[in-house]
Amino acid sequence: MVQFHATTICAVKRPDGDICIGGDGQVTMGETTIMKNGAKKVKKIFKGKVLTGFAGSVADAFSLTDKFENKLQEHDGNLKRAAVDLAQFWRSDKATRSLEALMIVVNEEDLLVISGNGEVIEPDKNVVAIGSGGNYAYSAASALFDNTELDAESIVRKSLEIASSICVYTNDNISVEKL
């Protein structure tokens, strides 16, 4: 089966409450074919109070984003409780167990990564990146976060631009969402 590689997502949460998530637009099939340049993999949910971004299978990620928003509703917007509930459901439910994606979720209080292995990870630093170019974007974002006064959006954009110059599965068609 041909594997789709999708994507690079980066999120930054500055101490002053400046929060941004961004992603590139490339969806690659196999090792050599770019299927789409302008996919949007970040969005606002839960009445504009939560930002999400996904890497992995696009259809799986859409399904998981919808399920996560339902969990947010069930838990009155408590991001951590909704994330843990989704991770448990994702890991244990027969239909969702095989979904292949990672999610970043962020609100004013928390920044988390959710995986299908049942993990909910709260990074040590308010910087995180996932996906094919995630390590490149994370390295750039971490350096910019620690050594500049750039706002969250500038860090996210610059980090994704750097990742796109290194990772063949990441392009410079960047979309961002801010809280």
C-alpha atoms as a PDB file:
ATOM      1  CA  MET A   1       0.000   0.000   0.000  1.00  0.00           C
ATOM      2  CA  VAL A   2       1.259   3.478  -0.884  1.00  0.00           C
ATOM      3  CA  GLN A   3       1.976   5.593   2.201  1.00  0.00           C
ATOM      4  CA  PHE A   4       0.912   9.247   2.389  1.00  0.00           C
ATOM      5  CA  HIS A   5       3.339  11.512   4.204  1.00  0.00           C
ATOM      6  CA  ALA A   6       1.597  14.453   5.724  1.00  0.00           C
ATOM      7  CA  THR A   7       3.010  16.911   7.232  1.00  0.00           C
ATOM      8  CA  THR A   8       4.823  19.302   9.515  1.00  0.00           C
ATOM      9  CA  ILE A   9       2.951  21.060  12.325  1.00  0.00           C
ATOM     10  CA  CYS A  10       4.499  23.470  14.828  1.00  0.00           C
ATOM     11  CA  ALA A  11       2.948  25.210  17.836  1.00  0.00           C
ATOM     12  CA  VAL A  12       4.322  27.903  20.131  1.00  0.00           C
ATOM     13  CA  LYS A  13       2.870  29.349  23.297  1.00  0.00           C
ATOM     14  CA  ARG A  14       4.636  32.450  24.611  1.00  0.00           C
ATOM     15  CA  PRO A  15       4.476  33.244  28.373  1.00  0.00           C
ATOM     16  CA  ASP A  16       2.426  36.385  27.638  1.00  0.00           C
ATOM     17  CA  GLY A  17      -0.399  34.266  26.191  1.00  0.00           C
ATOM     18  CA  ASP A  18       0.596  34.687  22.544  1.00  0.00           C
ATOM     19  CA  ILE A  19      -0.329  31.315  20.973  1.00  0.00           C
ATOM     20  CA  CYS A  20       0.029  30.090  17.394  1.00  0.00           C
ATOM     21  CA  ILE A  21      -0.080  26.812  15.498  1.00  0.00           C
ATOM     22  CA  GLY A  22       0.913  26.356  11.883  1.00  0.00           C
ATOM     23  CA  GLY A  23       1.378  23.698   9.275  1.00  0.00           C
ATOM     24  CA  ASP A  24       2.647  23.281   5.768  1.00  0.00           C
ATOM     25  CA  GLY A  25       0.339  22.375   2.915  1.00  0.00           C
ATOM     26  CA  GLN A  26       2.059  19.391   1.321  1.00  0.00           C
ATOM     27  CA  VAL A  27       0.579  15.922   1.053  1.00  0.00           C
ATOM     28  CA  THR A  28       2.975  13.411  -0.495  1.00  0.00           C
ATOM     29  CA  MET A  29       2.102   9.944  -1.799  1.00  0.00           C
ATOM     30  CA  GLY A  30       4.886   7.417  -1.688  1.00  0.00           C
ATOM     31  CA  GLU A  31       8.439   8.680  -1.899  1.00  0.00           C
ATOM     32  CA  THR A  32       8.134  10.856  -4.987  1.00  0.00           C
ATOM     33  CA  THR A  33       4.684  12.263  -5.706  1.00  0.00           C
ATOM     34  CA  ILE A  34       3.276  15.478  -4.312  1.00  0.00           C
ATOM     35  CA  MET A  35      -0.497  15.052  -4.350  1.00  0.00           C
ATOM     36  CA  LYS A  36      -1.449  18.439  -2.937  1.00  0.00           C
ATOM     37  CA  ASN A  37       0.349  21.675  -2.097  1.00  0.00           C
ATOM     38  CA  GLY A  38      -2.331  23.593  -0.232  1.00  0.00           C
ATOM     39  CA  ALA A  39      -3.810  21.269   2.384  1.00  0.00           C
ATOM     40  CA  LYS A  40      -4.892  22.984   5.603  1.00  0.00           C
ATOM     41  CA  LYS A  41      -3.985  20.920   8.630  1.00  0.00           C
ATOM     42  CA  VAL A  42      -4.538  23.422  11.429  1.00  0.00           C
ATOM     43  CA  LYS A  43      -7.816  24.831  12.670  1.00  0.00           C
ATOM     44  CA  LYS A  44      -9.714  26.465  15.496  1.00  0.00           C
ATOM     45  CA  ILE A  45     -12.309  24.377  17.277  1.00  0.00           C
ATOM     46  CA  PHE A  46     -14.522  24.592  20.353  1.00  0.00           C
ATOM     47  CA  LYS A  47     -15.887  28.093  19.765  1.00  0.00           C
ATOM     48  CA  GLY A  48     -12.454  29.370  18.690  1.00  0.00           C
ATOM     49  CA  LYS A  49     -10.872  28.574  22.079  1.00  0.00           C
ATOM     50  CA  VAL A  50      -8.703  25.617  21.007  1.00  0.00           C
ATOM     51  CA  LEU A  51      -6.191  25.230  18.199  1.00  0.00           C
ATOM     52  CA  THR A  52      -5.475  21.833  16.646  1.00  0.00           C
ATOM     53  CA  GLY A  53      -3.030  20.522  14.110  1.00  0.00           C
ATOM     54  CA  PHE A  54      -2.483  17.029  12.817  1.00  0.00           C
ATOM     55  CA  ALA A  55       0.130  14.948  11.089  1.00  0.00           C
ATOM     56  CA  GLY A  56      -0.486  11.580   9.518  1.00  0.00           C
ATOM     57  CA  SER A  57      -3.351  10.205   7.525  1.00  0.00           C
ATOM     58  CA  VAL A  58      -5.589  13.135   6.604  1.00  0.00           C
ATOM     59  CA  ALA A  59      -8.902  11.263   6.805  1.00  0.00           C
ATOM     60  CA  ASP A  60      -7.878   9.765  10.148  1.00  0.00           C
ATOM     61  CA  ALA A  61      -6.884  13.162  11.472  1.00  0.00           C
ATOM     62  CA  PHE A  62     -10.206  14.739  10.443  1.00  0.00           C
ATOM     63  CA  SER A  63     -12.050  11.954  12.236  1.00  0.00           C
ATOM     64  CA  LEU A  64      -9.914  12.374  15.350  1.00  0.00           C
ATOM     65  CA  THR A  65     -10.335  16.152  15.359  1.00  0.00           C
ATOM     66  CA  ASP A  66     -14.116  15.698  15.315  1.00  0.00           C
ATOM     67  CA  LYS A  67     -13.908  13.146  18.122  1.00  0.00           C
ATOM     68  CA  PHE A  68     -11.655  15.468  20.114  1.00  0.00           C
ATOM     69  CA  GLU A  69     -14.092  18.346  19.780  1.00  0.00           C
ATOM     70  CA  ASN A  70     -16.846  16.047  21.068  1.00  0.00           C
ATOM     71  CA  LYS A  71     -14.636  15.146  24.043  1.00  0.00           C
ATOM     72  CA  LEU A  72     -14.087  18.869  24.717  1.00  0.00           C
ATOM     73  CA  GLN A  73     -17.856  19.329  24.814  1.00  0.00           C
ATOM     74  CA  GLU A  74     -18.238  16.364  27.201  1.00  0.00           C
ATOM     75  CA  HIS A  75     -15.600  17.831  29.543  1.00  0.00           C
ATOM     76  CA  ASP A  76     -16.758  21.475  29.395  1.00  0.00           C
ATOM     77  CA  GLY A  77     -13.637  22.590  27.530  1.00  0.00           C
ATOM     78  CA  ASN A  78     -11.102  20.960  29.882  1.00  0.00           C
ATOM     79  CA  LEU A  79      -8.300  20.297  27.387  1.00  0.00           C
ATOM     80  CA  LYS A  80      -6.344  17.788  29.490  1.00  0.00           C
ATOM     81  CA  ARG A  81      -9.374  15.699  30.402  1.00  0.00           C
ATOM     82  CA  ALA A  82     -10.581  15.718  26.799  1.00  0.00           C
ATOM     83  CA  ALA A  83      -7.106  14.731  25.557  1.00  0.00           C
ATOM     84  CA  VAL A  84      -6.779  11.841  28.003  1.00  0.00           C
ATOM     85  CA  ASP A  85     -10.294  10.666  27.192  1.00  0.00           C
ATOM     86  CA  LEU A  86      -9.575  10.795  23.445  1.00  0.00           C
ATOM     87  CA  ALA A  87      -6.253   8.957  23.861  1.00  0.00           C
ATOM     88  CA  GLN A  88      -7.922   6.201  25.885  1.00  0.00           C
ATOM     89  CA  PHE A  89     -10.752   5.915  23.366  1.00  0.00           C
ATOM     90  CA  TRP A  90      -8.321   6.005  20.426  1.00  0.00           C
ATOM     91  CA  ARG A  91      -6.204   3.210  21.868  1.00  0.00           C
ATOM     92  CA  SER A  92      -9.049   0.961  22.992  1.00  0.00           C
ATOM     93  CA  ASP A  93     -11.793   1.389  20.383  1.00  0.00           C
ATOM     94  CA  LYS A  94     -11.614  -1.250  17.674  1.00  0.00           C
ATOM     95  CA  ALA A  95     -12.559   1.159  14.882  1.00  0.00           C
ATOM     96  CA  THR A  96     -10.177   3.963  15.865  1.00  0.00           C
ATOM     97  CA  ARG A  97      -7.253   1.851  17.099  1.00  0.00           C
ATOM     98  CA  SER A  98      -5.795   1.656  13.588  1.00  0.00           C
ATOM     99  CA  LEU A  99      -6.035   5.397  12.867  1.00  0.00           C
ATOM    100  CA  GLU A 100      -2.602   6.792  12.081  1.00  0.00           C
ATOM    101  CA  ALA A 101      -2.094  10.383  13.145  1.00  0.00           C
ATOM    102  CA  LEU A 102      -0.640  12.661  15.791  1.00  0.00           C
ATOM    103  CA  MET A 103      -2.376  15.768  17.071  1.00  0.00           C
ATOM    104  CA  ILE A 104      -1.222  18.953  18.729  1.00  0.00           C
ATOM    105  CA  VAL A 105      -3.897  20.709  20.773  1.00  0.00           C
ATOM    106  CA  VAL A 106      -3.449  24.021  22.551  1.00  0.00           C
ATOM    107  CA  ASN A 107      -5.527  26.531  24.482  1.00  0.00           C
ATOM    108  CA  GLU A 108      -4.687  29.334  26.905  1.00  0.00           C
ATOM    109  CA  GLU A 109      -3.754  26.870  29.669  1.00  0.00           C
ATOM    110  CA  ASP A 110      -2.230  23.823  27.981  1.00  0.00           C
ATOM    111  CA  LEU A 111      -0.147  22.635  25.030  1.00  0.00           C
ATOM    112  CA  LEU A 112      -0.387  18.865  24.380  1.00  0.00           C
ATOM    113  CA  VAL A 113       0.503  16.170  21.868  1.00  0.00           C
ATOM    114  CA  ILE A 114      -1.937  13.262  21.570  1.00  0.00           C
ATOM    115  CA  SER A 115      -1.012   9.935  19.976  1.00  0.00           C
ATOM    116  CA  GLY A 116      -2.843   6.752  19.110  1.00  0.00           C
ATOM    117  CA  ASN A 117      -0.645   4.830  21.530  1.00  0.00           C
ATOM    118  CA  GLY A 118      -2.603   6.368  24.371  1.00  0.00           C
ATOM    119  CA  GLU A 119      -0.030   9.054  25.062  1.00  0.00           C
ATOM    120  CA  VAL A 120      -0.849  12.604  26.064  1.00  0.00           C
ATOM    121  CA  ILE A 121       2.396  14.527  26.220  1.00  0.00           C
ATOM    122  CA  GLU A 122       2.816  17.951  27.787  1.00  0.00           C
ATOM    123  CA  PRO A 123       6.169  19.231  26.524  1.00  0.00           C
ATOM    124  CA  ASP A 124       8.717  20.713  28.930  1.00  0.00           C
ATOM    125  CA  LYS A 125       8.852  23.863  26.842  1.00  0.00           C
ATOM    126  CA  ASN A 126       5.928  25.676  25.221  1.00  0.00           C
ATOM    127  CA  VAL A 127       7.181  24.633  21.802  1.00  0.00           C
ATOM    128  CA  VAL A 128       6.261  21.445  19.964  1.00  0.00           C
ATOM    129  CA  ALA A 129       6.338  20.077  16.419  1.00  0.00           C
ATOM    130  CA  ILE A 130       5.188  16.842  14.805  1.00  0.00           C
ATOM    131  CA  GLY A 131       5.192  15.177  11.429  1.00  0.00           C
ATOM    132  CA  SER A 132       7.740  14.388   8.773  1.00  0.00           C
ATOM    133  CA  GLY A 133       9.589  17.667   9.258  1.00  0.00           C
ATOM    134  CA  GLY A 134       8.753  17.941  12.950  1.00  0.00           C
ATOM    135  CA  ASN A 135      12.299  17.548  14.232  1.00  0.00           C
ATOM    136  CA  TYR A 136      13.545  20.311  11.946  1.00  0.00           C
ATOM    137  CA  ALA A 137      10.704  22.656  12.870  1.00  0.00           C
ATOM    138  CA  TYR A 138      11.099  21.876  16.572  1.00  0.00           C
ATOM    139  CA  SER A 139      14.822  22.620  16.528  1.00  0.00           C
ATOM    140  CA  ALA A 140      14.280  25.941  14.789  1.00  0.00           C
ATOM    141  CA  ALA A 141      11.306  26.914  16.971  1.00  0.00           C
ATOM    142  CA  SER A 142      13.146  26.003  20.161  1.00  0.00           C
ATOM    143  CA  ALA A 143      16.158  28.127  19.215  1.00  0.00           C
ATOM    144  CA  LEU A 144      13.970  31.079  18.209  1.00  0.00           C
ATOM    145  CA  PHE A 145      11.827  30.737  21.352  1.00  0.00           C
ATOM    146  CA  ASP A 146      14.881  30.786  23.641  1.00  0.00           C
ATOM    147  CA  ASN A 147      17.008  33.366  21.847  1.00  0.00           C
ATOM    148  CA  THR A 148      14.665  35.950  20.354  1.00  0.00           C
ATOM    149  CA  GLU A 149      11.702  38.080  21.312  1.00  0.00           C
ATOM    150  CA  LEU A 150       9.786  37.053  18.187  1.00  0.00           C
ATOM    151  CA  ASP A 151       6.059  36.550  18.637  1.00  0.00           C
ATOM    152  CA  ALA A 152       4.543  33.062  18.417  1.00  0.00           C
ATOM    153  CA  GLU A 153       3.364  33.468  14.825  1.00  0.00           C
ATOM    154  CA  SER A 154       6.782  34.628  13.612  1.00  0.00           C
ATOM    155  CA  ILE A 155       8.466  31.677  15.327  1.00  0.00           C
ATOM    156  CA  VAL A 156       5.987  29.194  13.849  1.00  0.00           C
ATOM    157  CA  ARG A 157       6.284  30.632  10.330  1.00  0.00           C
ATOM    158  CA  LYS A 158      10.093  30.823  10.376  1.00  0.00           C
ATOM    159  CA  SER A 159      10.397  27.305  11.832  1.00  0.00           C
ATOM    160  CA  LEU A 160       8.153  25.849   9.142  1.00  0.00           C
ATOM    161  CA  GLU A 161      10.083  27.739   6.451  1.00  0.00           C
ATOM    162  CA  ILE A 162      13.318  26.218   7.771  1.00  0.00           C
ATOM    163  CA  ALA A 163      11.766  22.740   7.860  1.00  0.00           C
ATOM    164  CA  SER A 164      10.521  23.176   4.285  1.00  0.00           C
ATOM    165  CA  SER A 165      14.048  23.969   3.125  1.00  0.00           C
ATOM    166  CA  ILE A 166      15.315  20.648   4.575  1.00  0.00           C
ATOM    167  CA  CYS A 167      12.443  18.111   4.548  1.00  0.00           C
ATOM    168  CA  VAL A 168      11.133  16.825   1.202  1.00  0.00           C
ATOM    169  CA  TYR A 169       7.722  16.144   2.799  1.00  0.00           C
ATOM    170  CA  THR A 170       7.269  19.775   3.904  1.00  0.00           C
ATOM    171  CA  ASN A 171       6.523  22.770   1.689  1.00  0.00           C
ATOM    172  CA  ASP A 172       6.444  26.509   2.290  1.00  0.00           C
ATOM    173  CA  ASN A 173       2.683  26.870   1.758  1.00  0.00           C
ATOM    174  CA  ILE A 174       2.114  27.671   5.431  1.00  0.00           C
ATOM    175  CA  SER A 175      -1.205  28.199   7.158  1.00  0.00           C
ATOM    176  CA  VAL A 176      -1.493  29.437  10.741  1.00  0.00           C
ATOM    177  CA  GLU A 177      -4.135  29.901  13.394  1.00  0.00           C
ATOM    178  CA  LYS A 178      -3.798  32.115  16.471  1.00  0.00           C
ATOM    179  CA  LEU A 179      -5.623  32.413  19.755  1.00  0.00           C
END
